[in-house]
Amino acid sequence: LSSSASGASVVAIDNKIEQAMDLVKNHLMYAVREEVEVLKEQIKELLEKNSQLERENSLLKTLASPEQLEKFQSRLPAEVLCPEEQSPGVAALAQHSGGSAV
């Protein structure tokens, strides 16, 4: 085997490796984009559901008597009464859901 033939063989192998890596990269990018779209849709649905529940909660608070509200709130744990201290990640998630990550 001459050195030029072995050199060509190495180049051919390198090209095959590069093609395989490109194929893997393309597959991973496709899979990530697909997953991002699914997650964006789930975030959208959860934000809509959250908005609906907030409207229902507001309506129920409006319709409830002060005695009913006091009785209800006395049964709730502190973290339910102050959710903004509980999970700041939800607000951050909502802010970022509009932009495209990929």
N, C-alpha and C. Protein backbone atom coordinates (compact mmCIF):
# COMPACT_ATOMS: atom_id res chain seq x y z
N LEU A 1 0.85 -1.18 0.00
CA LEU A 1 0.00 0.00 0.00
C LEU A 1 0.89 1.23 0.00
N SER A 2 0.71 2.10 -0.95
CA SER A 2 1.53 3.30 -1.02
C SER A 2 1.04 4.33 -0.03
N SER A 3 1.87 5.31 0.26
CA SER A 3 1.50 6.33 1.25
C SER A 3 0.36 7.20 0.73
N SER A 4 0.28 7.41 -0.59
CA SER A 4 -0.83 8.22 -1.13
C SER A 4 -2.15 7.46 -1.01
N ALA A 5 -2.11 6.13 -1.16
CA ALA A 5 -3.33 5.33 -1.03
C ALA A 5 -3.79 5.31 0.42
N SER A 6 -2.84 5.19 1.35
CA SER A 6 -3.24 5.18 2.76
C SER A 6 -3.70 6.57 3.18
N GLY A 7 -3.13 7.62 2.60
CA GLY A 7 -3.57 8.99 2.87
C GLY A 7 -4.98 9.21 2.38
N ALA A 8 -5.28 8.69 1.19
CA ALA A 8 -6.62 8.81 0.64
C ALA A 8 -7.61 8.02 1.49
N SER A 9 -7.16 6.88 2.02
CA SER A 9 -8.01 6.06 2.87
C SER A 9 -8.35 6.80 4.16
N VAL A 10 -7.37 7.49 4.74
CA VAL A 10 -7.60 8.27 5.96
C VAL A 10 -8.57 9.41 5.69
N VAL A 11 -8.41 10.08 4.55
CA VAL A 11 -9.31 11.18 4.17
C VAL A 11 -10.73 10.64 3.98
N ALA A 12 -10.87 9.49 3.34
CA ALA A 12 -12.17 8.89 3.13
C ALA A 12 -12.83 8.54 4.46
N ILE A 13 -12.06 7.99 5.38
CA ILE A 13 -12.58 7.65 6.71
C ILE A 13 -12.99 8.92 7.45
N ASP A 14 -12.15 9.95 7.38
CA ASP A 14 -12.48 11.23 8.03
C ASP A 14 -13.77 11.81 7.46
N ASN A 15 -13.93 11.70 6.14
CA ASN A 15 -15.16 12.20 5.51
C ASN A 15 -16.38 11.43 6.00
N LYS A 16 -16.24 10.11 6.10
CA LYS A 16 -17.35 9.29 6.59
C LYS A 16 -17.70 9.65 8.03
N ILE A 17 -16.68 9.86 8.85
CA ILE A 17 -16.91 10.25 10.26
C ILE A 17 -17.62 11.59 10.31
N GLU A 18 -17.18 12.54 9.50
CA GLU A 18 -17.79 13.86 9.47
C GLU A 18 -19.25 13.78 9.02
N GLN A 19 -19.52 12.94 8.00
CA GLN A 19 -20.90 12.77 7.54
C GLN A 19 -21.77 12.16 8.64
N ALA A 20 -21.23 11.19 9.35
CA ALA A 20 -21.98 10.55 10.43
C ALA A 20 -22.26 11.55 11.56
N MET A 21 -21.27 12.36 11.88
CA MET A 21 -21.45 13.37 12.93
C MET A 21 -22.49 14.41 12.50
N ASP A 22 -22.49 14.81 11.25
CA ASP A 22 -23.49 15.75 10.74
C ASP A 22 -24.88 15.14 10.82
N LEU A 23 -24.98 13.86 10.48
CA LEU A 23 -26.27 13.17 10.54
C LEU A 23 -26.80 13.13 11.98
N VAL A 24 -25.92 12.80 12.92
CA VAL A 24 -26.30 12.77 14.34
C VAL A 24 -26.71 14.16 14.80
N LYS A 25 -25.91 15.16 14.43
CA LYS A 25 -26.22 16.54 14.83
C LYS A 25 -27.58 16.97 14.28
N ASN A 26 -27.84 16.69 13.03
CA ASN A 26 -29.12 17.05 12.42
C ASN A 26 -30.28 16.34 13.11
N HIS A 27 -30.08 15.07 13.42
CA HIS A 27 -31.13 14.31 14.10
C HIS A 27 -31.41 14.90 15.48
N LEU A 28 -30.35 15.20 16.22
CA LEU A 28 -30.52 15.78 17.56
C LEU A 28 -31.20 17.15 17.50
N MET A 29 -30.80 17.97 16.54
CA MET A 29 -31.41 19.30 16.40
C MET A 29 -32.89 19.17 16.08
N TYR A 30 -33.24 18.24 15.22
CA TYR A 30 -34.64 18.01 14.88
C TYR A 30 -35.42 17.58 16.12
N ALA A 31 -34.85 16.63 16.86
CA ALA A 31 -35.52 16.11 18.06
C ALA A 31 -35.69 17.21 19.10
N VAL A 32 -34.68 18.04 19.28
CA VAL A 32 -34.76 19.14 20.25
C VAL A 32 -35.81 20.16 19.82
N ARG A 33 -35.82 20.52 18.54
CA ARG A 33 -36.82 21.47 18.05
C ARG A 33 -38.24 20.94 18.25
N GLU A 34 -38.41 19.65 17.98
CA GLU A 34 -39.71 19.02 18.15
C GLU A 34 -40.14 19.07 19.62
N GLU A 35 -39.22 18.75 20.51
CA GLU A 35 -39.53 18.77 21.94
C GLU A 35 -39.82 20.19 22.42
N VAL A 36 -39.09 21.17 21.91
CA VAL A 36 -39.33 22.57 22.28
C VAL A 36 -40.74 22.99 21.86
N GLU A 37 -41.17 22.57 20.69
CA GLU A 37 -42.52 22.91 20.23
C GLU A 37 -43.58 22.29 21.13
N VAL A 38 -43.37 21.04 21.53
CA VAL A 38 -44.31 20.36 22.43
C VAL A 38 -44.36 21.10 23.76
N LEU A 39 -43.21 21.46 24.29
CA LEU A 39 -43.15 22.16 25.58
C LEU A 39 -43.78 23.55 25.48
N LYS A 40 -43.55 24.24 24.37
CA LYS A 40 -44.18 25.57 24.18
C LYS A 40 -45.70 25.44 24.20
N GLU A 41 -46.21 24.41 23.55
CA GLU A 41 -47.65 24.20 23.51
C GLU A 41 -48.18 23.88 24.91
N GLN A 42 -47.45 23.06 25.66
CA GLN A 42 -47.86 22.74 27.04
C GLN A 42 -47.85 23.99 27.90
N ILE A 43 -46.84 24.82 27.75
CA ILE A 43 -46.75 26.07 28.51
C ILE A 43 -47.94 26.96 28.17
N LYS A 44 -48.25 27.06 26.87
CA LYS A 44 -49.38 27.88 26.44
C LYS A 44 -50.67 27.38 27.08
N GLU A 45 -50.89 26.07 27.05
CA GLU A 45 -52.10 25.49 27.64
C GLU A 45 -52.16 25.73 29.14
N LEU A 46 -51.01 25.57 29.81
CA LEU A 46 -50.99 25.79 31.26
C LEU A 46 -51.23 27.25 31.61
N LEU A 47 -50.69 28.16 30.83
CA LEU A 47 -50.93 29.58 31.07
C LEU A 47 -52.41 29.93 30.89
N GLU A 48 -53.02 29.35 29.85
CA GLU A 48 -54.46 29.58 29.63
C GLU A 48 -55.28 29.01 30.78
N LYS A 49 -54.93 27.80 31.22
CA LYS A 49 -55.64 27.16 32.33
C LYS A 49 -55.47 27.98 33.60
N ASN A 50 -54.26 28.46 33.84
CA ASN A 50 -53.98 29.28 35.02
C ASN A 50 -54.81 30.57 34.98
N SER A 51 -54.87 31.18 33.82
CA SER A 51 -55.66 32.41 33.67
C SER A 51 -57.13 32.14 33.95
N GLN A 52 -57.64 31.05 33.42
CA GLN A 52 -59.04 30.67 33.65
C GLN A 52 -59.29 30.44 35.13
N LEU A 53 -58.39 29.73 35.79
CA LEU A 53 -58.57 29.45 37.22
C LEU A 53 -58.48 30.73 38.05
N GLU A 54 -57.61 31.66 37.65
CA GLU A 54 -57.52 32.93 38.36
C GLU A 54 -58.82 33.72 38.22
N ARG A 55 -59.42 33.70 37.00
CA ARG A 55 -60.69 34.39 36.81
C ARG A 55 -61.78 33.74 37.67
N GLU A 56 -61.83 32.40 37.68
CA GLU A 56 -62.82 31.70 38.49
C GLU A 56 -62.62 32.01 39.98
N ASN A 57 -61.38 32.02 40.41
CA ASN A 57 -61.06 32.31 41.81
C ASN A 57 -61.52 33.72 42.17
N SER A 58 -61.25 34.66 41.30
CA SER A 58 -61.66 36.04 41.54
C SER A 58 -63.17 36.15 41.64
N LEU A 59 -63.86 35.47 40.74
CA LEU A 59 -65.33 35.48 40.77
C LEU A 59 -65.85 34.86 42.06
N LEU A 60 -65.28 33.74 42.45
CA LEU A 60 -65.73 33.08 43.69
C LEU A 60 -65.47 33.96 44.90
N LYS A 61 -64.33 34.66 44.92
CA LYS A 61 -64.04 35.57 46.03
C LYS A 61 -65.06 36.70 46.06
N THR A 62 -65.44 37.17 44.88
CA THR A 62 -66.42 38.26 44.80
C THR A 62 -67.78 37.80 45.31
N LEU A 63 -68.16 36.57 44.98
CA LEU A 63 -69.48 36.07 45.36
C LEU A 63 -69.55 35.57 46.80
N ALA A 64 -68.40 35.24 47.38
CA ALA A 64 -68.39 34.70 48.74
C ALA A 64 -68.59 35.81 49.77
N SER A 65 -69.23 35.46 50.85
CA SER A 65 -69.39 36.42 51.94
C SER A 65 -68.07 36.52 52.70
N PRO A 66 -67.85 37.63 53.42
CA PRO A 66 -66.62 37.76 54.22
C PRO A 66 -66.44 36.60 55.21
N GLU A 67 -67.55 36.10 55.76
CA GLU A 67 -67.46 34.99 56.70
C GLU A 67 -66.98 33.71 56.00
N GLN A 68 -67.51 33.49 54.79
CA GLN A 68 -67.08 32.30 54.03
C GLN A 68 -65.60 32.39 53.67
N LEU A 69 -65.16 33.57 53.25
CA LEU A 69 -63.75 33.76 52.89
C LEU A 69 -62.85 33.52 54.09
N GLU A 70 -63.24 34.09 55.22
CA GLU A 70 -62.42 33.93 56.43
C GLU A 70 -62.34 32.45 56.84
N LYS A 71 -63.47 31.77 56.78
CA LYS A 71 -63.51 30.35 57.14
C LYS A 71 -62.64 29.53 56.18
N PHE A 72 -62.74 29.84 54.89
CA PHE A 72 -61.96 29.12 53.90
C PHE A 72 -60.46 29.38 54.08
N GLN A 73 -60.08 30.64 54.24
CA GLN A 73 -58.66 30.97 54.36
C GLN A 73 -58.04 30.42 55.64
N SER A 74 -58.83 30.24 56.67
CA SER A 74 -58.29 29.69 57.91
C SER A 74 -57.89 28.22 57.73
N ARG A 75 -58.43 27.57 56.71
CA ARG A 75 -58.13 26.15 56.46
C ARG A 75 -56.91 25.96 55.56
N LEU A 76 -56.49 27.02 54.87
CA LEU A 76 -55.41 26.88 53.89
C LEU A 76 -54.04 27.00 54.53
N PRO A 77 -53.07 26.20 54.05
CA PRO A 77 -51.69 26.38 54.51
C PRO A 77 -51.13 27.71 53.99
N ALA A 78 -50.10 28.23 54.64
CA ALA A 78 -49.55 29.55 54.31
C ALA A 78 -49.06 29.64 52.87
N GLU A 79 -48.45 28.56 52.33
CA GLU A 79 -47.90 28.62 50.97
C GLU A 79 -48.98 28.78 49.91
N VAL A 80 -50.21 28.37 50.20
CA VAL A 80 -51.31 28.54 49.24
C VAL A 80 -51.76 30.00 49.24
N LEU A 81 -51.70 30.64 50.40
CA LEU A 81 -52.14 32.03 50.51
C LEU A 81 -51.13 33.00 49.89
N CYS A 82 -49.86 32.62 49.82
CA CYS A 82 -48.81 33.49 49.27
C CYS A 82 -48.05 32.77 48.16
N PRO A 83 -48.70 32.46 47.04
CA PRO A 83 -48.03 31.67 46.00
C PRO A 83 -46.86 32.39 45.33
N GLU A 84 -46.84 33.73 45.35
CA GLU A 84 -45.74 34.43 44.69
C GLU A 84 -44.40 34.16 45.37
N GLU A 85 -44.44 33.87 46.67
CA GLU A 85 -43.21 33.51 47.37
C GLU A 85 -42.84 32.06 47.10
N GLN A 86 -43.82 31.28 46.72
CA GLN A 86 -43.66 29.84 46.54
C GLN A 86 -42.85 29.48 45.31
N SER A 87 -43.25 29.96 44.13
CA SER A 87 -42.61 29.51 42.90
C SER A 87 -42.41 30.65 41.90
N PRO A 88 -41.32 31.41 42.05
CA PRO A 88 -41.07 32.50 41.10
C PRO A 88 -40.73 32.00 39.71
N GLY A 89 -40.41 30.72 39.56
CA GLY A 89 -40.06 30.17 38.25
C GLY A 89 -41.22 30.19 37.27
N VAL A 90 -42.44 30.14 37.75
CA VAL A 90 -43.60 30.13 36.85
C VAL A 90 -43.70 31.46 36.11
N ALA A 91 -43.49 32.57 36.81
CA ALA A 91 -43.54 33.88 36.16
C ALA A 91 -42.41 34.00 35.13
N ALA A 92 -41.23 33.53 35.48
CA ALA A 92 -40.11 33.58 34.55
C ALA A 92 -40.39 32.71 33.34
N LEU A 93 -41.00 31.57 33.56
CA LEU A 93 -41.34 30.65 32.48
C LEU A 93 -42.34 31.32 31.54
N ALA A 94 -43.32 31.99 32.10
CA ALA A 94 -44.33 32.66 31.29
C ALA A 94 -43.71 33.77 30.44
N GLN A 95 -42.74 34.49 31.01
CA GLN A 95 -42.10 35.56 30.26
C GLN A 95 -41.29 35.03 29.09
N HIS A 96 -40.68 33.86 29.26
CA HIS A 96 -39.80 33.31 28.23
C HIS A 96 -40.54 32.46 27.20
N SER A 97 -41.78 32.13 27.44
CA SER A 97 -42.49 31.21 26.55
C SER A 97 -42.76 31.83 25.19
N GLY A 98 -42.76 33.14 25.10
CA GLY A 98 -43.03 33.79 23.82
C GLY A 98 -41.87 33.74 22.86
N GLY A 99 -40.64 33.70 23.38
CA GLY A 99 -39.46 33.73 22.52
C GLY A 99 -39.10 32.36 22.02
N SER A 100 -38.28 32.33 20.96
CA SER A 100 -37.86 31.05 20.38
C SER A 100 -36.47 30.71 20.87
N ALA A 101 -36.32 29.54 21.43
CA ALA A 101 -35.01 29.12 21.94
C ALA A 101 -34.14 28.55 20.83
N VAL A 102 -34.74 28.02 19.79
CA VAL A 102 -33.95 27.39 18.72
C VAL A 102 -34.29 28.01 17.40
